[in-house]
Amino acid sequence: MRLEGSGSVCLQVDGVYCAAAAACVGVFARPLGAALEVPSGFVVGAAVLTAGWAGLLLFAGSRLRLRASLLGVLVVNVVVAVLVGVLAMTRPVDAVSVLLLAVVVEVAGFASWQAAVLRTGVH
């Protein structure tokens, strides 16, 4: 599979996932803030940041240098997976910690997809 096709699809699907995640986090900001013991404004800020990231991913998938975009997104996804995993592991085991671990799996899955595209893509 060519890097241009699979890489663009990867970034676009990641962008759609991030947009959906941002919407969910924004809608549930108050209960998530309470569960995480942070102000709901902090959670809304995370949702806005994630929505911006989603827009960047959708833009990067169609307009920017694909290899550099994939590598940058891969790095960000690894960092996010580690940070969310640490957050999940430092919390009491409850529905929110399980949700956070599910997010870790999903984000790590995108990072794996990006790594596979980079490994098999043209230089």
C-alpha atoms as a PDB file:
ATOM      1  CA  MET A   1       0.000   0.000   0.000  1.00  0.00           C
ATOM      2  CA  ARG A   2       1.350   3.445  -0.866  1.00  0.00           C
ATOM      3  CA  LEU A   3       2.235   5.850   1.951  1.00  0.00           C
ATOM      4  CA  GLU A   4       0.168   8.643   0.446  1.00  0.00           C
ATOM      5  CA  GLY A   5      -3.087   6.666   0.523  1.00  0.00           C
ATOM      6  CA  SER A   6      -2.776   4.759   3.767  1.00  0.00           C
ATOM      7  CA  GLY A   7      -1.083   7.619   5.622  1.00  0.00           C
ATOM      8  CA  SER A   8      -3.813  10.094   4.717  1.00  0.00           C
ATOM      9  CA  VAL A   9      -6.523   7.640   5.744  1.00  0.00           C
ATOM     10  CA  CYS A  10      -4.725   6.977   9.031  1.00  0.00           C
ATOM     11  CA  LEU A  11      -4.532  10.682   9.893  1.00  0.00           C
ATOM     12  CA  GLN A  12      -8.112  11.323   8.833  1.00  0.00           C
ATOM     13  CA  VAL A  13      -9.505   8.434  10.895  1.00  0.00           C
ATOM     14  CA  ASP A  14      -7.410   9.577  13.866  1.00  0.00           C
ATOM     15  CA  GLY A  15      -8.819  13.083  13.357  1.00  0.00           C
ATOM     16  CA  VAL A  16     -12.403  11.850  13.290  1.00  0.00           C
ATOM     17  CA  TYR A  17     -11.764   9.803  16.446  1.00  0.00           C
ATOM     18  CA  CYS A  18     -10.302  12.860  18.185  1.00  0.00           C
ATOM     19  CA  ALA A  19     -13.256  15.018  17.117  1.00  0.00           C
ATOM     20  CA  ALA A  20     -15.690  12.452  18.536  1.00  0.00           C
ATOM     21  CA  ALA A  21     -13.641  12.167  21.733  1.00  0.00           C
ATOM     22  CA  ALA A  22     -13.563  15.958  22.105  1.00  0.00           C
ATOM     23  CA  ALA A  23     -17.346  16.124  21.721  1.00  0.00           C
ATOM     24  CA  CYS A  24     -17.871  13.391  24.322  1.00  0.00           C
ATOM     25  CA  VAL A  25     -15.460  14.967  26.794  1.00  0.00           C
ATOM     26  CA  GLY A  26     -17.073  18.363  26.291  1.00  0.00           C
ATOM     27  CA  VAL A  27     -20.591  17.026  26.810  1.00  0.00           C
ATOM     28  CA  PHE A  28     -19.580  15.163  29.959  1.00  0.00           C
ATOM     29  CA  ALA A  29     -17.170  17.799  31.309  1.00  0.00           C
ATOM     30  CA  ARG A  30     -18.979  18.273  34.614  1.00  0.00           C
ATOM     31  CA  PRO A  31     -19.175  14.599  35.675  1.00  0.00           C
ATOM     32  CA  LEU A  32     -15.669  13.893  34.329  1.00  0.00           C
ATOM     33  CA  GLY A  33     -14.306  16.865  36.241  1.00  0.00           C
ATOM     34  CA  ALA A  34     -15.969  15.626  39.416  1.00  0.00           C
ATOM     35  CA  ALA A  35     -14.665  12.083  38.900  1.00  0.00           C
ATOM     36  CA  LEU A  36     -11.144  13.328  38.196  1.00  0.00           C
ATOM     37  CA  GLU A  37     -11.365  15.912  40.995  1.00  0.00           C
ATOM     38  CA  VAL A  38     -10.516  18.807  38.669  1.00  0.00           C
ATOM     39  CA  PRO A  39     -12.598  21.828  37.676  1.00  0.00           C
ATOM     40  CA  SER A  40     -14.966  21.184  34.774  1.00  0.00           C
ATOM     41  CA  GLY A  41     -13.288  24.126  33.011  1.00  0.00           C
ATOM     42  CA  PHE A  42     -10.087  22.082  32.911  1.00  0.00           C
ATOM     43  CA  VAL A  43     -11.975  19.238  31.235  1.00  0.00           C
ATOM     44  CA  VAL A  44     -13.589  21.666  28.768  1.00  0.00           C
ATOM     45  CA  GLY A  45     -10.088  22.985  28.002  1.00  0.00           C
ATOM     46  CA  ALA A  46      -8.939  19.425  27.290  1.00  0.00           C
ATOM     47  CA  ALA A  47     -11.933  18.983  24.972  1.00  0.00           C
ATOM     48  CA  VAL A  48     -11.120  22.203  23.111  1.00  0.00           C
ATOM     49  CA  LEU A  49      -7.466  21.191  22.794  1.00  0.00           C
ATOM     50  CA  THR A  50      -8.502  17.778  21.485  1.00  0.00           C
ATOM     51  CA  ALA A  51     -10.892  19.374  18.986  1.00  0.00           C
ATOM     52  CA  GLY A  52      -8.066  21.594  17.743  1.00  0.00           C
ATOM     53  CA  TRP A  53      -5.810  18.561  17.443  1.00  0.00           C
ATOM     54  CA  ALA A  54      -8.553  16.806  15.455  1.00  0.00           C
ATOM     55  CA  GLY A  55      -8.681  19.732  13.039  1.00  0.00           C
ATOM     56  CA  LEU A  56      -4.910  19.652  12.656  1.00  0.00           C
ATOM     57  CA  LEU A  57      -4.994  15.913  11.934  1.00  0.00           C
ATOM     58  CA  LEU A  58      -7.658  16.356   9.271  1.00  0.00           C
ATOM     59  CA  PHE A  59      -5.646  19.184   7.730  1.00  0.00           C
ATOM     60  CA  ALA A  60      -2.355  17.260   7.946  1.00  0.00           C
ATOM     61  CA  GLY A  61      -3.863  14.252   6.222  1.00  0.00           C
ATOM     62  CA  SER A  62      -4.574  16.253   3.118  1.00  0.00           C
ATOM     63  CA  ARG A  63      -2.217  19.223   3.012  1.00  0.00           C
ATOM     64  CA  LEU A  64       1.063  18.771   4.891  1.00  0.00           C
ATOM     65  CA  ARG A  65       4.106  16.611   4.227  1.00  0.00           C
ATOM     66  CA  LEU A  66       2.764  13.183   5.028  1.00  0.00           C
ATOM     67  CA  ARG A  67       5.857  11.451   6.415  1.00  0.00           C
ATOM     68  CA  ALA A  68       6.650  14.309   8.807  1.00  0.00           C
ATOM     69  CA  SER A  69       2.988  14.552   9.824  1.00  0.00           C
ATOM     70  CA  LEU A  70       2.760  10.819  10.544  1.00  0.00           C
ATOM     71  CA  LEU A  71       5.953  10.877  12.589  1.00  0.00           C
ATOM     72  CA  GLY A  72       4.838  13.894  14.609  1.00  0.00           C
ATOM     73  CA  VAL A  73       1.394  12.435  15.260  1.00  0.00           C
ATOM     74  CA  LEU A  74       2.955   9.093  16.202  1.00  0.00           C
ATOM     75  CA  VAL A  75       5.123  10.815  18.827  1.00  0.00           C
ATOM     76  CA  VAL A  76       2.184  12.795  20.223  1.00  0.00           C
ATOM     77  CA  ASN A  77       0.037   9.655  20.370  1.00  0.00           C
ATOM     78  CA  VAL A  78       2.723   7.750  22.284  1.00  0.00           C
ATOM     79  CA  VAL A  79       3.117  10.613  24.773  1.00  0.00           C
ATOM     80  CA  VAL A  80      -0.665  10.917  25.229  1.00  0.00           C
ATOM     81  CA  ALA A  81      -1.048   7.154  25.700  1.00  0.00           C
ATOM     82  CA  VAL A  82       1.639   7.157  28.396  1.00  0.00           C
ATOM     83  CA  LEU A  83       0.214  10.213  30.199  1.00  0.00           C
ATOM     84  CA  VAL A  84      -3.374   8.939  30.137  1.00  0.00           C
ATOM     85  CA  GLY A  85      -2.128   5.510  31.245  1.00  0.00           C
ATOM     86  CA  VAL A  86      -0.323   7.041  34.213  1.00  0.00           C
ATOM     87  CA  LEU A  87      -3.466   8.979  35.111  1.00  0.00           C
ATOM     88  CA  ALA A  88      -5.560   5.811  34.889  1.00  0.00           C
ATOM     89  CA  MET A  89      -3.143   3.820  37.033  1.00  0.00           C
ATOM     90  CA  THR A  90      -2.900   6.459  39.767  1.00  0.00           C
ATOM     91  CA  ARG A  91      -6.685   6.607  40.264  1.00  0.00           C
ATOM     92  CA  PRO A  92      -8.894   4.303  42.245  1.00  0.00           C
ATOM     93  CA  VAL A  93     -10.264   1.531  40.063  1.00  0.00           C
ATOM     94  CA  ASP A  94     -13.648   2.723  38.858  1.00  0.00           C
ATOM     95  CA  ALA A  95     -15.521   3.282  35.611  1.00  0.00           C
ATOM     96  CA  VAL A  96     -13.463   6.382  34.798  1.00  0.00           C
ATOM     97  CA  SER A  97     -10.143   4.562  35.197  1.00  0.00           C
ATOM     98  CA  VAL A  98     -11.422   1.782  32.929  1.00  0.00           C
ATOM     99  CA  LEU A  99     -12.538   4.416  30.399  1.00  0.00           C
ATOM    100  CA  LEU A 100      -9.090   6.019  30.544  1.00  0.00           C
ATOM    101  CA  LEU A 101      -7.435   2.650  29.928  1.00  0.00           C
ATOM    102  CA  ALA A 102      -9.711   2.144  26.911  1.00  0.00           C
ATOM    103  CA  VAL A 103      -8.528   5.502  25.576  1.00  0.00           C
ATOM    104  CA  VAL A 104      -4.921   4.358  26.075  1.00  0.00           C
ATOM    105  CA  VAL A 105      -5.604   1.252  23.983  1.00  0.00           C
ATOM    106  CA  GLU A 106      -7.265   3.293  21.238  1.00  0.00           C
ATOM    107  CA  VAL A 107      -4.535   5.937  21.091  1.00  0.00           C
ATOM    108  CA  ALA A 108      -1.825   3.256  21.151  1.00  0.00           C
ATOM    109  CA  GLY A 109      -3.656   1.551  18.298  1.00  0.00           C
ATOM    110  CA  PHE A 110      -3.439   4.721  16.223  1.00  0.00           C
ATOM    111  CA  ALA A 111       0.261   5.053  17.077  1.00  0.00           C
ATOM    112  CA  SER A 112       0.794   1.460  15.941  1.00  0.00           C
ATOM    113  CA  TRP A 113      -1.055   2.140  12.697  1.00  0.00           C
ATOM    114  CA  GLN A 114       1.083   5.225  12.069  1.00  0.00           C
ATOM    115  CA  ALA A 115       4.260   3.278  12.792  1.00  0.00           C
ATOM    116  CA  ALA A 116       3.185   0.533  10.389  1.00  0.00           C
ATOM    117  CA  VAL A 117       2.450   3.067   7.648  1.00  0.00           C
ATOM    118  CA  LEU A 118       5.831   4.708   8.176  1.00  0.00           C
ATOM    119  CA  ARG A 119       7.613   1.350   8.181  1.00  0.00           C
ATOM    120  CA  THR A 120       6.003   0.151   4.956  1.00  0.00           C
ATOM    121  CA  GLY A 121       5.755   3.518   3.177  1.00  0.00           C
ATOM    122  CA  VAL A 122       7.977   4.900   0.456  1.00  0.00           C
ATOM    123  CA  HIS A 123      10.801   7.267   1.392  1.00  0.00           C
END
